[in-house]
Amino acid sequence: QVQLVESGGGLVQAGGSLRLSCAASGINFRSTVMGWYRQAPGKERELVAVITSGGLTNCAESVKGRFTISRDNAKNTVYLQMNSLKPEDTAVYYCKAAKAGDYYWGQGTQVTVSS
């Protein structure tokens, strides 16, 4: 079965950096569109960044210039490099895989940015 496991979350000060990882199994990873979403308390889940199997990326306006999504197909892993973190980036970050009309979610990892 498909499984997505996020890691790398934690507590950082404003201006700091974190790199999130999402390890995928049970899918043909290199043919799968991968994305990162986040959900802050009291808010809807929102798209942060997405990357195609060919390496094309899109990201939310709020994180442009600060966050970078990438993938390592040899490791079946997608990353989210987060720099210049702000308190408003505090949220649970979720990994998502899209394949053949189906969607799969990881369990989420907490990112907390202190001021």
N, C-alpha and C. Protein backbone atom coordinates (compact mmCIF):
# COMPACT_ATOMS: atom_id res chain seq x y z
N GLN A 1 0.82 -1.17 0.00
CA GLN A 1 0.00 0.00 0.00
C GLN A 1 0.88 1.25 0.00
N VAL A 2 0.26 2.36 -0.37
CA VAL A 2 0.98 3.62 -0.43
C VAL A 2 1.18 4.15 0.98
N GLN A 3 2.39 4.61 1.24
CA GLN A 3 2.70 5.20 2.53
C GLN A 3 3.62 6.39 2.32
N LEU A 4 3.29 7.50 2.99
CA LEU A 4 4.09 8.71 2.95
C LEU A 4 4.45 9.07 4.38
N VAL A 5 5.73 9.23 4.65
CA VAL A 5 6.20 9.51 6.00
C VAL A 5 7.01 10.79 6.00
N GLU A 6 6.48 11.82 6.66
CA GLU A 6 7.17 13.10 6.76
C GLU A 6 8.11 13.12 7.96
N SER A 7 9.15 13.92 7.85
CA SER A 7 10.06 14.14 8.95
C SER A 7 10.73 15.50 8.78
N GLY A 8 11.37 15.96 9.82
CA GLY A 8 12.14 17.20 9.75
C GLY A 8 11.50 18.40 10.39
N GLY A 9 10.27 18.26 10.87
CA GLY A 9 9.62 19.37 11.53
C GLY A 9 10.24 19.64 12.89
N GLY A 10 9.87 20.77 13.47
CA GLY A 10 10.39 21.12 14.77
C GLY A 10 10.12 22.56 15.11
N LEU A 11 10.82 23.03 16.13
CA LEU A 11 10.69 24.40 16.62
C LEU A 11 11.93 25.19 16.23
N VAL A 12 11.71 26.31 15.55
CA VAL A 12 12.81 27.18 15.15
C VAL A 12 12.44 28.63 15.42
N GLN A 13 13.44 29.48 15.51
CA GLN A 13 13.21 30.91 15.66
C GLN A 13 12.96 31.55 14.30
N ALA A 14 12.25 32.66 14.32
CA ALA A 14 12.02 33.41 13.09
C ALA A 14 13.35 33.71 12.41
N GLY A 15 13.36 33.54 11.09
CA GLY A 15 14.57 33.73 10.32
C GLY A 15 15.38 32.47 10.12
N GLY A 16 15.03 31.42 10.83
CA GLY A 16 15.74 30.17 10.73
C GLY A 16 15.28 29.32 9.56
N SER A 17 15.84 28.12 9.48
CA SER A 17 15.56 27.22 8.37
C SER A 17 15.26 25.81 8.85
N LEU A 18 14.48 25.11 8.06
CA LEU A 18 14.20 23.69 8.26
C LEU A 18 14.11 23.03 6.90
N ARG A 19 14.43 21.74 6.86
CA ARG A 19 14.20 20.96 5.66
C ARG A 19 13.31 19.78 6.00
N LEU A 20 12.15 19.74 5.39
CA LEU A 20 11.23 18.63 5.56
C LEU A 20 11.50 17.56 4.52
N SER A 21 11.30 16.32 4.92
CA SER A 21 11.45 15.19 4.01
C SER A 21 10.18 14.37 4.01
N CYS A 22 9.88 13.77 2.88
CA CYS A 22 8.74 12.87 2.75
C CYS A 22 9.20 11.65 1.99
N ALA A 23 9.26 10.53 2.67
CA ALA A 23 9.67 9.27 2.07
C ALA A 23 8.44 8.50 1.62
N ALA A 24 8.41 8.12 0.36
CA ALA A 24 7.25 7.45 -0.22
C ALA A 24 7.56 5.99 -0.49
N SER A 25 6.54 5.16 -0.33
CA SER A 25 6.64 3.75 -0.68
C SER A 25 5.31 3.28 -1.24
N GLY A 26 5.34 2.21 -2.01
CA GLY A 26 4.12 1.66 -2.56
C GLY A 26 3.64 2.33 -3.83
N ILE A 27 4.45 3.20 -4.40
CA ILE A 27 4.10 3.89 -5.64
C ILE A 27 5.30 3.93 -6.56
N ASN A 28 5.01 4.15 -7.84
CA ASN A 28 6.07 4.42 -8.81
C ASN A 28 6.42 5.89 -8.66
N PHE A 29 7.33 6.16 -7.75
CA PHE A 29 7.58 7.52 -7.30
C PHE A 29 7.93 8.47 -8.43
N ARG A 30 8.77 8.04 -9.33
CA ARG A 30 9.25 8.95 -10.37
C ARG A 30 8.15 9.37 -11.34
N SER A 31 7.01 8.69 -11.32
CA SER A 31 5.88 9.04 -12.17
C SER A 31 4.78 9.75 -11.41
N THR A 32 5.05 10.13 -10.18
CA THR A 32 4.04 10.68 -9.29
C THR A 32 4.27 12.17 -9.03
N VAL A 33 3.19 12.94 -9.11
CA VAL A 33 3.25 14.34 -8.73
C VAL A 33 3.23 14.43 -7.21
N MET A 34 4.15 15.19 -6.65
CA MET A 34 4.26 15.32 -5.21
C MET A 34 4.04 16.76 -4.79
N GLY A 35 3.49 16.93 -3.61
CA GLY A 35 3.27 18.28 -3.11
C GLY A 35 3.36 18.37 -1.61
N TRP A 36 3.53 19.60 -1.16
CA TRP A 36 3.49 19.92 0.26
C TRP A 36 2.32 20.86 0.53
N TYR A 37 1.55 20.56 1.55
CA TYR A 37 0.46 21.39 2.02
C TYR A 37 0.69 21.71 3.48
N ARG A 38 -0.01 22.72 3.97
CA ARG A 38 0.08 23.03 5.39
C ARG A 38 -1.28 23.48 5.91
N GLN A 39 -1.47 23.28 7.19
CA GLN A 39 -2.71 23.69 7.84
C GLN A 39 -2.38 24.29 9.20
N ALA A 40 -2.69 25.56 9.33
CA ALA A 40 -2.50 26.27 10.59
C ALA A 40 -3.77 26.16 11.42
N PRO A 41 -3.66 26.34 12.74
CA PRO A 41 -4.85 26.27 13.59
C PRO A 41 -5.93 27.24 13.14
N GLY A 42 -7.15 26.74 12.98
CA GLY A 42 -8.27 27.56 12.60
C GLY A 42 -8.33 27.94 11.14
N LYS A 43 -7.42 27.41 10.33
CA LYS A 43 -7.39 27.73 8.91
C LYS A 43 -7.52 26.47 8.06
N GLU A 44 -7.89 26.68 6.79
CA GLU A 44 -8.00 25.58 5.86
C GLU A 44 -6.62 25.12 5.41
N ARG A 45 -6.56 23.86 5.01
CA ARG A 45 -5.32 23.35 4.45
C ARG A 45 -5.04 24.04 3.12
N GLU A 46 -3.80 24.44 2.92
CA GLU A 46 -3.45 25.17 1.72
C GLU A 46 -2.22 24.57 1.04
N LEU A 47 -2.17 24.72 -0.26
CA LEU A 47 -1.03 24.27 -1.03
C LEU A 47 0.18 25.15 -0.75
N VAL A 48 1.31 24.52 -0.51
CA VAL A 48 2.57 25.23 -0.33
C VAL A 48 3.41 25.16 -1.60
N ALA A 49 3.61 23.96 -2.12
CA ALA A 49 4.43 23.77 -3.31
C ALA A 49 4.12 22.42 -3.92
N VAL A 50 4.35 22.31 -5.22
CA VAL A 50 4.12 21.06 -5.93
C VAL A 50 5.25 20.85 -6.93
N ILE A 51 5.58 19.60 -7.19
CA ILE A 51 6.62 19.27 -8.15
C ILE A 51 6.17 18.09 -9.00
N THR A 52 6.34 18.21 -10.31
CA THR A 52 5.96 17.15 -11.22
C THR A 52 7.07 16.11 -11.31
N SER A 53 6.75 15.01 -12.00
CA SER A 53 7.75 13.98 -12.19
C SER A 53 8.95 14.49 -12.99
N GLY A 54 8.73 15.51 -13.81
CA GLY A 54 9.79 16.09 -14.60
C GLY A 54 10.56 17.18 -13.89
N GLY A 55 10.17 17.50 -12.66
CA GLY A 55 10.90 18.48 -11.89
C GLY A 55 10.38 19.90 -11.98
N LEU A 56 9.27 20.11 -12.68
CA LEU A 56 8.67 21.43 -12.72
C LEU A 56 7.99 21.73 -11.40
N THR A 57 8.10 22.97 -10.94
CA THR A 57 7.59 23.33 -9.62
C THR A 57 6.67 24.53 -9.68
N ASN A 58 5.77 24.58 -8.72
CA ASN A 58 4.93 25.74 -8.45
C ASN A 58 4.85 25.89 -6.94
N CYS A 59 4.70 27.10 -6.48
CA CYS A 59 4.59 27.32 -5.05
C CYS A 59 3.63 28.46 -4.76
N ALA A 60 3.18 28.51 -3.53
CA ALA A 60 2.28 29.57 -3.11
C ALA A 60 3.01 30.90 -3.07
N GLU A 61 2.28 31.96 -3.35
CA GLU A 61 2.87 33.29 -3.36
C GLU A 61 3.49 33.64 -2.02
N SER A 62 2.90 33.16 -0.94
CA SER A 62 3.36 33.50 0.39
C SER A 62 4.74 32.92 0.73
N VAL A 63 5.18 31.93 -0.03
CA VAL A 63 6.46 31.30 0.27
C VAL A 63 7.49 31.45 -0.84
N LYS A 64 7.12 32.10 -1.92
CA LYS A 64 8.05 32.29 -3.03
C LYS A 64 9.30 33.03 -2.57
N GLY A 65 10.44 32.52 -2.99
CA GLY A 65 11.70 33.12 -2.59
C GLY A 65 12.23 32.62 -1.27
N ARG A 66 11.41 31.88 -0.53
CA ARG A 66 11.83 31.37 0.77
C ARG A 66 11.84 29.84 0.83
N PHE A 67 10.87 29.21 0.19
CA PHE A 67 10.74 27.75 0.21
C PHE A 67 11.11 27.17 -1.15
N THR A 68 11.69 26.00 -1.14
CA THR A 68 12.04 25.29 -2.37
C THR A 68 11.65 23.83 -2.25
N ILE A 69 10.89 23.34 -3.21
CA ILE A 69 10.54 21.93 -3.26
C ILE A 69 11.47 21.22 -4.23
N SER A 70 11.86 20.01 -3.88
CA SER A 70 12.72 19.22 -4.75
C SER A 70 12.42 17.75 -4.54
N ARG A 71 12.95 16.92 -5.41
CA ARG A 71 12.74 15.49 -5.27
C ARG A 71 13.99 14.72 -5.66
N ASP A 72 14.16 13.58 -5.01
CA ASP A 72 15.24 12.66 -5.32
C ASP A 72 14.58 11.34 -5.67
N ASN A 73 14.45 11.07 -6.95
CA ASN A 73 13.74 9.88 -7.38
C ASN A 73 14.46 8.59 -6.99
N ALA A 74 15.77 8.66 -6.87
CA ALA A 74 16.54 7.49 -6.46
C ALA A 74 16.24 7.10 -5.02
N LYS A 75 15.82 8.07 -4.21
CA LYS A 75 15.51 7.82 -2.81
C LYS A 75 14.02 7.82 -2.53
N ASN A 76 13.20 8.01 -3.56
CA ASN A 76 11.75 8.08 -3.39
C ASN A 76 11.36 9.11 -2.33
N THR A 77 12.00 10.26 -2.39
CA THR A 77 11.82 11.27 -1.36
C THR A 77 11.63 12.64 -1.98
N VAL A 78 10.71 13.40 -1.40
CA VAL A 78 10.50 14.79 -1.78
C VAL A 78 10.87 15.65 -0.58
N TYR A 79 11.44 16.82 -0.85
CA TYR A 79 11.92 17.70 0.20
C TYR A 79 11.25 19.06 0.11
N LEU A 80 11.21 19.74 1.23
CA LEU A 80 10.80 21.13 1.26
C LEU A 80 11.82 21.89 2.09
N GLN A 81 12.66 22.66 1.42
CA GLN A 81 13.63 23.50 2.10
C GLN A 81 12.96 24.81 2.46
N MET A 82 12.93 25.14 3.73
CA MET A 82 12.25 26.33 4.21
C MET A 82 13.28 27.27 4.84
N ASN A 83 13.45 28.42 4.25
CA ASN A 83 14.37 29.44 4.74
C ASN A 83 13.60 30.68 5.15
N SER A 84 14.27 31.53 5.92
CA SER A 84 13.67 32.79 6.36
C SER A 84 12.28 32.58 6.95
N LEU A 85 12.18 31.62 7.83
CA LEU A 85 10.88 31.25 8.38
C LEU A 85 10.28 32.38 9.21
N LYS A 86 8.97 32.48 9.12
CA LYS A 86 8.19 33.48 9.83
C LYS A 86 7.21 32.80 10.77
N PRO A 87 6.78 33.49 11.83
CA PRO A 87 5.79 32.89 12.72
C PRO A 87 4.54 32.43 12.00
N GLU A 88 4.13 33.13 10.95
CA GLU A 88 2.94 32.74 10.21
C GLU A 88 3.13 31.47 9.39
N ASP A 89 4.34 30.95 9.32
CA ASP A 89 4.58 29.66 8.69
C ASP A 89 4.25 28.50 9.61
N THR A 90 3.97 28.79 10.87
CA THR A 90 3.63 27.75 11.83
C THR A 90 2.40 26.99 11.37
N ALA A 91 2.53 25.68 11.26
CA ALA A 91 1.44 24.84 10.77
C ALA A 91 1.88 23.38 10.82
N VAL A 92 0.92 22.49 10.60
CA VAL A 92 1.25 21.11 10.32
C VAL A 92 1.44 20.98 8.82
N TYR A 93 2.57 20.44 8.42
CA TYR A 93 2.90 20.30 7.01
C TYR A 93 2.67 18.86 6.57
N TYR A 94 1.94 18.71 5.47
CA TYR A 94 1.56 17.40 4.96
C TYR A 94 2.15 17.15 3.58
N CYS A 95 2.62 15.95 3.38
CA CYS A 95 3.07 15.49 2.08
C CYS A 95 1.90 14.85 1.35
N LYS A 96 1.80 15.10 0.04
CA LYS A 96 0.73 14.55 -0.77
C LYS A 96 1.28 13.95 -2.05
N ALA A 97 0.74 12.81 -2.41
CA ALA A 97 1.08 12.16 -3.67
C ALA A 97 -0.17 12.04 -4.52
N ALA A 98 -0.05 12.27 -5.81
CA ALA A 98 -1.16 12.14 -6.74
C ALA A 98 -0.76 11.18 -7.84
N LYS A 99 -1.57 10.14 -8.01
CA LYS A 99 -1.26 9.11 -9.00
C LYS A 99 -2.54 8.46 -9.50
N ALA A 100 -2.72 8.45 -10.81
CA ALA A 100 -3.83 7.75 -11.45
C ALA A 100 -5.19 8.12 -10.85
N GLY A 101 -5.37 9.40 -10.57
CA GLY A 101 -6.63 9.87 -10.04
C GLY A 101 -6.82 9.70 -8.56
N ASP A 102 -5.85 9.09 -7.89
CA ASP A 102 -5.92 8.88 -6.45
C ASP A 102 -4.99 9.85 -5.73
N TYR A 103 -5.33 10.16 -4.50
CA TYR A 103 -4.54 11.05 -3.68
C TYR A 103 -4.18 10.36 -2.37
N TYR A 104 -2.96 10.58 -1.93
CA TYR A 104 -2.48 9.98 -0.70
C TYR A 104 -1.81 11.05 0.15
N TRP A 105 -2.03 10.96 1.45
CA TRP A 105 -1.51 11.94 2.39
C TRP A 105 -0.62 11.30 3.43
N GLY A 106 0.40 12.03 3.83
CA GLY A 106 1.20 11.63 4.97
C GLY A 106 0.50 12.03 6.25
N GLN A 107 1.13 11.71 7.37
CA GLN A 107 0.52 11.97 8.67
C GLN A 107 0.73 13.40 9.14
N GLY A 108 1.63 14.11 8.52
CA GLY A 108 1.91 15.49 8.87
C GLY A 108 3.06 15.62 9.85
N THR A 109 3.74 16.75 9.78
CA THR A 109 4.81 17.06 10.72
C THR A 109 4.66 18.52 11.16
N GLN A 110 4.80 18.75 12.45
CA GLN A 110 4.57 20.08 13.01
C GLN A 110 5.79 20.98 12.80
N VAL A 111 5.53 22.17 12.30
CA VAL A 111 6.54 23.21 12.20
C VAL A 111 6.08 24.40 13.03
N THR A 112 6.89 24.80 13.99
CA THR A 112 6.56 25.93 14.85
C THR A 112 7.68 26.95 14.77
N VAL A 113 7.33 28.17 14.43
CA VAL A 113 8.30 29.26 14.30
C VAL A 113 8.02 30.28 15.38
N SER A 114 8.97 30.49 16.25
CA SER A 114 8.82 31.44 17.34
C SER A 114 9.34 32.81 16.93
N SER A 115 8.78 33.84 17.54
CA SER A 115 9.18 35.21 17.23
C SER A 115 10.30 35.67 18.13
